[in-house]
Protein backbone atom coordinates (compact mmCIF):
# COMPACT_ATOMS: atom_id res chain seq x y z
CA MET A 1 13.10 62.11 -29.77
CA PRO A 2 9.94 62.51 -31.91
CA ILE A 3 7.44 59.64 -31.78
CA GLU A 4 6.32 57.51 -34.69
CA VAL A 5 2.91 55.96 -34.03
CA LEU A 6 1.90 52.90 -36.04
CA ASP A 7 -1.86 53.50 -35.91
CA ASN A 8 -1.79 56.97 -37.43
CA GLU A 9 -5.46 57.02 -38.33
CA THR A 10 -6.57 56.29 -34.77
CA THR A 11 -4.14 58.85 -33.35
CA ASP A 12 -5.33 61.52 -35.81
CA GLN A 13 -8.91 60.80 -34.79
CA ARG A 14 -7.98 61.19 -31.13
CA LEU A 15 -6.18 64.43 -31.88
CA ASN A 16 -9.27 65.77 -33.64
CA GLN A 17 -11.47 64.68 -30.75
CA LEU A 18 -9.18 66.39 -28.25
CA ASN A 19 -9.13 69.61 -30.26
CA LYS A 20 -12.92 69.65 -30.51
CA ALA A 21 -13.27 68.96 -26.79
CA LEU A 22 -10.78 71.71 -25.93
CA GLY A 23 -12.58 74.12 -28.23
CA SER A 24 -15.84 73.36 -26.42
CA GLY A 25 -14.25 73.80 -22.99
CA MET A 26 -14.74 70.13 -22.05
CA PHE A 27 -11.55 69.95 -19.98
CA VAL A 28 -12.74 67.13 -17.71
CA HIS A 29 -13.51 65.02 -20.76
CA VAL A 30 -10.05 65.77 -22.19
CA ARG A 31 -8.41 64.78 -18.90
CA ASN A 32 -10.28 61.46 -18.92
CA MET A 33 -9.26 60.81 -22.52
CA LEU A 34 -5.61 61.44 -21.68
CA GLN A 35 -5.73 59.07 -18.72
CA ASP A 36 -6.83 56.25 -21.04
CA MET A 37 -4.01 56.82 -23.54
CA ALA A 38 -0.51 55.34 -23.59
CA ALA A 39 2.45 57.62 -22.88
CA THR A 40 3.73 57.26 -26.47
CA ASP A 41 0.36 58.40 -27.88
CA ILE A 42 0.21 61.40 -25.56
CA ALA A 43 3.75 62.37 -26.56
CA PHE A 44 2.82 62.10 -30.23
CA ILE A 45 -0.22 64.32 -29.70
CA LEU A 46 1.84 66.92 -27.82
CA GLU A 47 4.39 67.05 -30.64
CA SER A 48 1.57 67.34 -33.20
CA SER A 49 -0.14 70.27 -31.47
CA PRO A 50 0.46 74.05 -31.66
CA PRO A 51 2.05 75.69 -28.58
CA ARG A 52 -1.18 76.96 -26.99
CA THR A 53 -2.87 73.58 -27.23
CA ARG A 54 0.22 71.91 -25.78
CA GLN A 55 0.12 74.11 -22.70
CA VAL A 56 -3.50 73.18 -21.98
CA LEU A 57 -2.90 69.47 -22.60
CA TRP A 58 0.21 69.47 -20.39
CA GLN A 59 -1.75 70.96 -17.51
CA LEU A 60 -4.43 68.27 -17.85
CA ILE A 61 -2.02 65.31 -17.85
CA ASP A 62 -1.84 63.24 -14.67
CA GLN A 63 1.42 64.13 -12.94
CA GLU A 64 2.11 60.47 -12.15
CA HIS A 65 2.69 59.84 -15.88
CA THR A 66 4.80 62.94 -16.52
CA GLY A 67 8.11 61.06 -16.46
CA GLU A 68 6.95 58.40 -18.95
CA ILE A 69 5.74 61.07 -21.36
CA LEU A 70 8.91 63.14 -21.10
CA ASP A 71 10.88 60.00 -22.02
CA GLU A 72 9.11 59.93 -25.39
CA LEU A 73 9.36 63.60 -26.39
CA GLY A 74 11.83 65.32 -28.69
CA GLU A 75 14.59 67.31 -27.04
CA GLU A 76 13.35 70.81 -27.87
CA LEU A 77 9.79 70.20 -26.67
CA LYS A 78 11.07 68.30 -23.64
CA ASP A 79 13.29 71.23 -22.65
CA SER A 80 10.43 73.67 -23.14
CA LEU A 81 8.05 71.73 -20.88
CA ILE A 82 10.65 71.07 -18.19
CA SER A 83 11.50 74.77 -18.00
CA GLN A 84 7.88 75.38 -16.92
CA MET A 85 7.82 72.66 -14.26
CA SER A 86 8.49 73.21 -10.58
CA PRO A 87 11.52 71.41 -9.07
CA GLU A 88 9.16 69.26 -6.99
CA ARG A 89 7.31 68.10 -10.11
CA VAL A 90 10.57 67.34 -11.91
CA ALA A 91 11.74 65.30 -8.91
CA LYS A 92 8.44 63.41 -8.88
CA ALA A 93 8.69 62.68 -12.58
CA ALA A 94 12.26 61.41 -12.09
CA LYS A 95 11.08 58.42 -10.08
CA SER A 96 9.53 56.76 -13.15
CA MET A 97 12.27 57.68 -15.64
CA ASP A 98 15.17 55.61 -16.90
CA THR A 99 18.58 56.70 -15.67
CA ASP A 100 19.82 57.87 -19.07
CA ASP A 101 16.71 59.98 -19.75
CA LEU A 102 16.84 61.46 -16.28
CA ALA A 103 20.48 62.43 -16.74
CA TYR A 104 19.64 64.23 -19.99
CA ILE A 105 16.84 66.21 -18.34
CA LEU A 106 18.98 67.32 -15.42
CA ARG A 107 21.82 68.40 -17.73
CA SER A 108 19.44 70.80 -19.45
CA LEU A 109 18.36 72.52 -16.23
CA PRO A 110 19.85 75.78 -14.92
CA ASP A 111 22.17 75.26 -11.94
CA SER A 112 19.74 76.80 -9.44
CA VAL A 113 16.86 74.58 -10.56
CA PHE A 114 19.17 71.58 -10.79
CA ASN A 115 20.14 71.93 -7.12
CA GLU A 116 16.51 72.34 -6.07
CA VAL A 117 15.56 69.17 -7.95
CA LEU A 118 18.36 67.20 -6.28
CA GLN A 119 17.25 68.39 -2.85
CA SER A 120 13.68 67.29 -3.63
CA MET A 121 14.83 63.73 -4.47
CA SER A 122 15.18 60.76 -2.21
CA THR A 123 18.70 59.61 -1.30
CA GLN A 124 18.45 56.60 -3.62
CA ASP A 125 17.34 58.67 -6.61
CA ARG A 126 20.01 61.28 -5.90
CA VAL A 127 22.77 58.66 -5.92
CA ARG A 128 21.41 57.22 -9.17
CA VAL A 129 21.36 60.66 -10.80
CA GLU A 130 24.84 61.64 -9.67
CA GLN A 131 26.24 58.42 -11.07
CA ALA A 132 24.52 58.98 -14.43
CA LEU A 133 25.75 62.58 -14.63
CA SER A 134 29.34 61.49 -14.10
CA TYR A 135 29.50 60.14 -17.67
CA PRO A 136 29.95 62.46 -20.68
CA ASP A 137 27.05 62.97 -23.04
CA ASP A 138 26.86 60.79 -26.19
CA THR A 139 28.82 57.94 -24.57
CA ALA A 140 27.84 54.43 -23.52
CA GLY A 141 27.62 55.63 -19.92
CA SER A 142 25.07 58.29 -20.83
CA ILE A 143 22.62 55.79 -22.38
CA MET A 144 23.08 52.83 -20.02
CA ASN A 145 20.69 51.76 -17.28
CA THR A 146 21.79 50.47 -13.88
CA ASP A 147 18.85 48.06 -13.42
CA THR A 148 21.03 44.99 -13.99
CA VAL A 149 20.43 41.53 -12.46
CA THR A 150 23.71 39.72 -11.76
CA LEU A 151 24.55 36.10 -10.92
CA ARG A 152 27.48 34.26 -9.36
CA PRO A 153 28.98 31.36 -11.35
CA ASP A 154 28.80 28.74 -8.58
CA VAL A 155 25.09 29.14 -7.78
CA ASN A 156 22.63 26.36 -8.62
CA ILE A 157 20.04 26.97 -11.37
CA ASP A 158 17.15 25.95 -9.14
CA VAL A 159 18.20 28.55 -6.57
CA ILE A 160 18.26 31.25 -9.25
CA LEU A 161 14.79 30.31 -10.48
CA ARG A 162 13.39 30.50 -6.95
CA TYR A 163 15.05 33.90 -6.48
CA LEU A 164 13.54 35.23 -9.72
CA ARG A 165 10.07 34.03 -8.70
CA ILE A 166 10.41 35.81 -5.36
CA ARG A 167 11.66 38.94 -7.14
CA GLY A 168 8.52 38.88 -9.24
CA GLU A 169 9.72 40.89 -12.26
CA LEU A 170 12.76 41.63 -14.37
CA PRO A 171 13.91 44.96 -15.83
CA GLU A 172 12.46 45.78 -19.25
CA ALA A 173 14.13 44.26 -22.33
CA THR A 174 16.02 41.68 -20.24
CA ASP A 175 17.24 38.86 -22.47
CA MET A 176 20.37 37.97 -20.49
CA LEU A 177 21.55 37.93 -16.88
CA TYR A 178 25.22 38.74 -16.36
CA VAL A 179 27.63 36.59 -14.40
CA VAL A 180 30.14 38.43 -12.20
CA ASP A 181 32.77 37.52 -9.62
CA LYS A 182 33.08 38.93 -6.09
CA GLN A 183 34.69 42.11 -7.46
CA ASP A 184 31.78 42.57 -9.92
CA ARG A 185 34.00 41.81 -12.92
CA VAL A 186 32.07 40.39 -15.87
CA LEU A 187 32.68 36.67 -16.48
CA GLY A 188 29.91 35.97 -18.98
CA GLY A 189 26.15 35.89 -19.38
CA VAL A 190 23.19 33.53 -19.19
CA ARG A 191 20.32 33.87 -21.63
CA ILE A 192 16.85 33.73 -20.14
CA ALA A 193 15.87 31.03 -22.63
CA ASP A 194 18.78 28.81 -21.49
CA LEU A 195 17.96 29.46 -17.84
CA LEU A 196 14.37 28.28 -18.28
CA THR A 197 15.13 25.18 -20.35
CA CYS A 198 18.28 23.74 -18.74
CA ASN A 199 18.61 21.12 -15.99
CA PRO A 200 17.76 22.84 -12.67
CA ASP A 201 20.50 20.84 -10.94
CA SER A 202 23.19 22.48 -13.08
CA SER A 203 25.19 25.51 -11.97
CA ILE A 204 25.41 28.89 -13.65
CA ARG A 205 28.98 28.12 -14.71
CA ASP A 206 27.72 25.12 -16.74
CA ILE A 207 25.39 27.15 -18.95
CA MET A 208 26.88 30.63 -19.06
CA ALA A 209 28.29 32.03 -22.29
CA ALA A 210 31.82 33.27 -21.73
CA ASP A 211 32.04 35.14 -25.05
CA VAL A 212 29.88 38.09 -23.97
CA GLU A 213 31.44 41.28 -25.32
CA PRO A 214 31.24 44.11 -22.76
CA ILE A 215 31.08 47.74 -23.85
CA PRO A 216 33.54 50.28 -22.35
CA VAL A 217 31.69 53.04 -20.54
CA GLY A 218 33.52 55.73 -22.54
CA MET A 219 32.67 54.36 -26.01
CA SER A 220 30.65 56.76 -28.18
CA ASP A 221 26.95 55.95 -28.55
CA SER A 222 27.35 55.78 -32.34
CA GLU A 223 29.96 53.03 -31.99
CA VAL A 224 27.64 51.23 -29.56
CA ALA A 225 24.87 51.36 -32.17
CA GLN A 226 27.22 49.91 -34.78
CA LEU A 227 28.09 46.98 -32.48
CA PHE A 228 24.41 46.26 -31.80
CA GLU A 229 23.65 46.35 -35.52
CA ARG A 230 26.63 44.14 -36.40
CA HIS A 231 25.96 41.48 -33.76
CA ASP A 232 22.13 41.67 -33.56
CA TRP A 233 22.26 42.22 -29.80
CA MET A 234 19.24 42.82 -27.60
CA SER A 235 21.35 44.08 -24.69
CA ALA A 236 24.99 44.37 -23.68
CA PRO A 237 26.85 44.94 -20.40
CA VAL A 238 28.76 48.17 -19.76
CA ILE A 239 32.05 48.02 -17.88
CA ASP A 240 34.63 50.44 -16.48
CA ASP A 241 38.40 50.32 -17.00
CA ASP A 242 38.72 47.52 -14.43
CA ASN A 243 36.14 45.34 -16.21
CA LYS A 244 33.61 45.94 -13.42
CA LEU A 245 29.95 45.86 -14.41
CA LEU A 246 28.30 49.29 -14.30
CA GLY A 247 25.03 48.67 -16.09
CA ARG A 248 23.58 47.59 -19.41
CA ILE A 249 22.45 49.07 -22.70
CA THR A 250 19.27 47.74 -24.31
CA ILE A 251 18.07 47.75 -27.89
CA ASP A 252 15.44 50.45 -27.27
CA ASP A 253 18.17 52.91 -26.28
CA VAL A 254 20.20 51.96 -29.35
CA VAL A 255 17.22 52.47 -31.66
CA ASP A 256 16.92 56.00 -30.26
CA VAL A 257 20.60 56.63 -31.06
CA ILE A 258 20.21 55.30 -34.62
CA ARG A 259 17.13 57.43 -35.27
CA GLU A 260 18.76 60.51 -33.76
CA ASP A 261 21.82 60.03 -35.99
CA ALA A 262 19.60 59.56 -39.06
CA GLU A 263 17.52 62.64 -38.25
CA HIS A 264 20.67 64.60 -37.51
CA SER A 265 22.07 63.79 -40.95
CA MET A 266 18.79 64.54 -42.72
CA MET A 267 18.16 67.84 -40.93
CA GLY A 268 21.84 68.75 -41.08
CA MET A 269 21.70 68.77 -44.87
CA ALA A 270 19.29 71.71 -44.51
CA GLY A 271 21.39 73.35 -41.80
CA MET A 272 18.86 72.62 -39.04
CA ASP A 273 19.05 70.86 -35.70
CA ASP A 274 17.65 67.34 -35.52
CA ASP A 275 15.61 68.25 -32.42
CA THR A 276 13.86 71.18 -34.13
CA ASP A 277 10.24 71.39 -33.04
CA THR A 278 7.85 71.24 -36.03
CA PHE A 279 5.31 73.38 -34.17
CA GLY A 280 7.85 75.59 -32.38
CA PRO A 281 7.46 79.38 -31.93
CA VAL A 282 7.67 81.50 -35.09
CA LEU A 283 10.39 83.92 -33.94
CA LYS A 284 12.63 81.17 -32.57
CA SER A 285 12.31 79.12 -35.76
CA THR A 286 12.93 82.21 -37.91
CA PHE A 287 16.12 83.07 -36.04
CA ARG A 288 17.49 79.53 -36.35
CA ARG A 289 16.90 79.37 -40.08
CA SER A 290 18.25 82.89 -40.63
CA LEU A 291 21.65 81.88 -39.29
CA TRP A 292 22.01 79.21 -41.95
CA LEU A 293 20.61 81.45 -44.67
CA THR A 294 23.19 84.09 -43.74
CA VAL A 295 26.02 81.62 -44.26
CA ASN A 296 24.50 80.52 -47.56
CA LEU A 297 24.16 84.15 -48.70
CA PHE A 298 27.90 84.75 -48.32
CA ALA A 299 28.57 81.56 -50.30
CA ALA A 300 26.21 82.79 -53.05
CA LEU A 301 27.93 86.19 -53.09
CA LEU A 302 31.26 84.43 -53.55
CA ALA A 303 29.90 82.60 -56.60
CA ALA A 304 28.38 85.84 -57.90
CA SER A 305 31.74 87.58 -57.59
CA VAL A 306 33.18 85.04 -60.00
CA SER A 307 30.51 85.94 -62.56
CA ASN A 308 31.29 89.60 -62.00
CA MET A 309 34.94 88.97 -62.93
CA PHE A 310 33.81 87.98 -66.42
CA GLU A 311 31.19 90.69 -66.94
CA GLY A 312 32.69 91.61 -70.29
CA THR A 313 32.39 88.08 -71.58
CA LEU A 314 28.75 87.86 -70.49
CA GLU A 315 27.93 91.18 -72.20
CA GLN A 316 29.24 89.97 -75.56
CA PHE A 317 27.85 86.43 -75.52
CA ALA A 318 24.24 86.14 -74.40
CA THR A 319 24.37 82.41 -75.11
CA ILE A 320 26.93 81.96 -72.34
CA ALA A 321 24.52 83.51 -69.84
CA ILE A 322 21.90 80.96 -70.90
CA LEU A 323 24.23 77.98 -70.57
CA MET A 324 26.31 79.02 -67.55
CA THR A 325 23.99 77.38 -64.96
CA ILE A 326 24.44 73.90 -66.46
CA VAL A 327 28.02 73.35 -65.32
CA PRO A 328 27.55 74.23 -61.60
CA SER A 329 24.31 72.24 -61.53
CA MET A 330 25.88 69.03 -62.87
CA GLY A 331 28.88 69.43 -60.57
CA GLY A 332 26.62 69.96 -57.57
CA VAL A 333 24.61 66.80 -58.24
CA ALA A 334 27.73 64.69 -58.80
CA GLY A 335 29.39 66.09 -55.70
CA ASN A 336 26.34 65.52 -53.51
CA GLN A 337 26.20 61.87 -54.58
CA THR A 338 29.76 61.39 -53.36
CA LEU A 339 29.15 63.50 -50.25
CA ALA A 340 26.16 61.40 -49.17
CA LEU A 341 28.10 58.18 -49.72
CA VAL A 342 31.08 59.33 -47.66
CA ILE A 343 28.98 60.76 -44.81
CA ARG A 344 27.12 57.46 -44.58
CA GLY A 345 30.42 55.58 -44.52
CA ILE A 346 31.70 57.81 -41.72
CA ALA A 347 28.50 57.31 -39.73
CA LEU A 348 28.78 53.52 -40.08
CA GLY A 349 32.44 53.56 -39.07
CA GLN A 350 33.55 52.14 -42.43
CA ILE A 351 35.92 54.99 -43.32
CA GLY A 352 39.16 55.67 -41.46
CA GLN A 353 42.76 56.64 -42.07
CA SER A 354 43.56 53.23 -43.55
CA ASN A 355 41.15 53.52 -46.50
CA SER A 356 40.37 57.23 -46.88
CA ARG A 357 43.07 57.86 -49.52
CA TRP A 358 41.87 54.93 -51.62
CA LEU A 359 38.30 56.22 -51.39
CA ILE A 360 39.32 59.73 -52.44
CA GLY A 361 41.20 58.27 -55.43
CA LYS A 362 38.18 56.18 -56.38
CA GLU A 363 35.77 59.12 -56.26
CA LEU A 364 38.24 61.30 -58.17
CA ALA A 365 38.35 58.67 -60.92
CA ILE A 366 34.55 58.39 -60.97
CA GLY A 367 34.26 62.18 -61.19
CA PHE A 368 36.70 62.27 -64.11
CA LEU A 369 34.95 59.47 -66.03
CA ASN A 370 31.51 60.97 -65.43
CA GLY A 371 32.86 64.36 -66.46
CA LEU A 372 34.37 62.91 -69.61
CA LEU A 373 31.11 61.17 -70.56
CA TRP A 374 28.83 64.14 -69.94
CA SER A 375 31.22 66.69 -71.40
CA VAL A 376 31.13 64.83 -74.71
CA LEU A 377 27.32 64.59 -74.62
CA VAL A 378 26.85 68.25 -73.69
CA CYS A 379 29.41 69.36 -76.27
CA GLY A 380 27.48 67.48 -78.97
CA ALA A 381 24.13 68.83 -77.79
CA VAL A 382 25.31 72.47 -77.74
CA TRP A 383 27.00 72.06 -81.12
CA ALA A 384 23.79 70.70 -82.63
CA TRP A 385 21.69 73.38 -80.86
CA LYS A 386 23.79 76.48 -81.49
CA GLY A 387 25.93 75.32 -84.40
CA ASP A 388 29.13 76.38 -82.65
CA ILE A 389 31.70 73.64 -81.94
CA THR A 390 33.94 76.03 -79.98
CA LEU A 391 31.09 76.90 -77.61
CA GLY A 392 30.28 73.18 -77.23
CA ALA A 393 33.90 72.34 -76.49
CA THR A 394 34.10 75.19 -73.98
CA ILE A 395 31.13 74.04 -71.91
CA GLY A 396 32.28 70.41 -72.27
CA GLY A 397 35.75 71.26 -70.95
CA ALA A 398 34.28 73.23 -68.04
CA MET A 399 32.00 70.32 -67.16
CA LEU A 400 34.93 67.87 -67.19
CA ILE A 401 36.87 70.13 -64.82
CA ASN A 402 33.94 70.77 -62.46
CA MET A 403 32.72 67.17 -62.19
CA THR A 404 36.28 65.97 -61.53
CA VAL A 405 36.68 68.57 -58.80
CA ALA A 406 33.20 67.68 -57.48
CA GLY A 407 34.21 64.04 -57.04
CA LEU A 408 37.37 65.06 -55.21
CA ALA A 409 35.56 67.62 -53.05
CA GLY A 410 32.64 65.32 -52.23
CA ALA A 411 35.04 62.71 -50.85
CA SER A 412 37.54 64.98 -49.11
CA ILE A 413 35.30 67.68 -47.58
CA PRO A 414 33.54 65.41 -45.03
CA LEU A 415 36.86 63.80 -44.06
CA ILE A 416 38.47 67.23 -43.54
CA LEU A 417 35.48 68.50 -41.56
CA LYS A 418 35.49 65.36 -39.42
CA ARG A 419 39.18 65.88 -38.63
CA MET A 420 38.36 69.48 -37.62
CA ASN A 421 35.58 68.22 -35.30
CA ILE A 422 32.93 69.84 -37.51
CA ASP A 423 29.85 67.79 -38.31
CA PRO A 424 30.01 66.86 -42.04
CA ALA A 425 26.24 66.46 -42.22
CA LEU A 426 25.74 70.03 -41.06
CA ALA A 427 28.40 71.89 -43.04
CA GLY A 428 29.37 69.53 -45.88
CA GLY A 429 26.55 70.41 -48.25
CA MET A 430 27.11 74.15 -48.00
CA VAL A 431 30.88 73.87 -48.50
CA LEU A 432 30.45 71.51 -51.45
CA THR A 433 27.86 73.75 -53.14
CA THR A 434 30.21 76.72 -52.82
CA VAL A 435 33.09 74.76 -54.33
CA THR A 436 31.10 73.43 -57.32
CA ASP A 437 29.48 76.80 -58.02
CA VAL A 438 32.76 78.73 -57.88
CA ILE A 439 34.81 76.18 -59.83
CA GLY A 440 32.01 75.60 -62.36
CA LEU A 441 31.50 79.27 -63.12
CA PHE A 442 35.21 80.07 -63.13
CA ALA A 443 36.01 77.16 -65.46
CA PHE A 444 33.20 77.92 -67.92
CA LEU A 445 33.59 81.69 -68.01
CA GLY A 446 37.38 81.46 -67.97
CA LEU A 447 37.46 79.04 -70.92
CA ALA A 448 34.89 81.16 -72.75
CA THR A 449 37.01 84.27 -72.26
CA VAL A 450 40.12 82.51 -73.59
CA PHE A 451 38.64 80.63 -76.55
CA LEU A 452 35.63 82.70 -77.61
CA LEU A 453 36.73 86.29 -77.04
CA ASN A 454 40.27 85.76 -78.27
């Protein structure tokens, strides 16, 4: 996913220096600069550069660091670069990549290239990849790593400490070692801090925590993120249906999931993919946005058809044409407030079948009360402005109807879309806008036709 660099000023300076060096043809100097930079900084620079500059920079990067850099890139740019790499280079990059990232890359490859990459790998890497690919995407298995250190409960602490010194290093983000039996079933865990501070004559059984909560391999990654957030975990073991340890999930993988979900919701509100490349090709970006604009055009035509139904009313009352945008606008704002609240609740796992009806009732009541309040205020304002109480009451009544419907729609639309396996963040805003526009215009123009014309 896209990188966020803390020292933005320094990175911007480096980006300017690289661009000047590339413009002057100083490719050796650029290569040396890239060798001295961290993988996260290189990834940030690649994502901040136009396509042509990216191609030159990618060719100048040391191939030994390719895997680390790919780990840090957004999905669209990552796919674009991988499609240009030879199978041998992909296989070489795989050696330095985490299992979950490697599985993602291989899933995005065409079958012919995928087979070539597998053949270029060592037996150990091939087994690791095949195991990672056996788990569905967006599950605990797809984001777990298999670099897990395990202990037996009857082993002495001093023996474990000697073993760790001989081993020399631990996997990244290791805060706990997991205790398993002979069948690799999880019995508990030992925190590194406890291991270093306890009596070396004790056994693992004496200091292990038996309340470690394993994560089923099929659990969705969003549910995993919720568990990490709720319990403030740094890592957690992943198990199969027989409680056997398969690997572990660490906080860095969970942070990626949380950010991806947040970006997905934010970009989805605009009808765009969360992995959209900021500096992507013009034609590709145009096509993607046109699809959403096409859907929105049909929704706008539907609202316009409602206005067309009351053409006679609009011809006789110019004031109505001036005021008719107020009702859909207020309904849209009220509905979007509810929509955002419900989508967040769904994302956090707070809304389910047990409380969804209560929530819909609550938002319906809020919509009615808000509609009642603002209908009175708007009625008074229009009466004072135009001197026509009937016109004020008409727009006030339409606003009451539309804001009540907006509260109901804002709460129910994401729940209905979720049940239909449609992403509420992607489609909810468009559906809600259509509903509030159509209902708002129909209510206002319909009431005006009844009470003003007749």
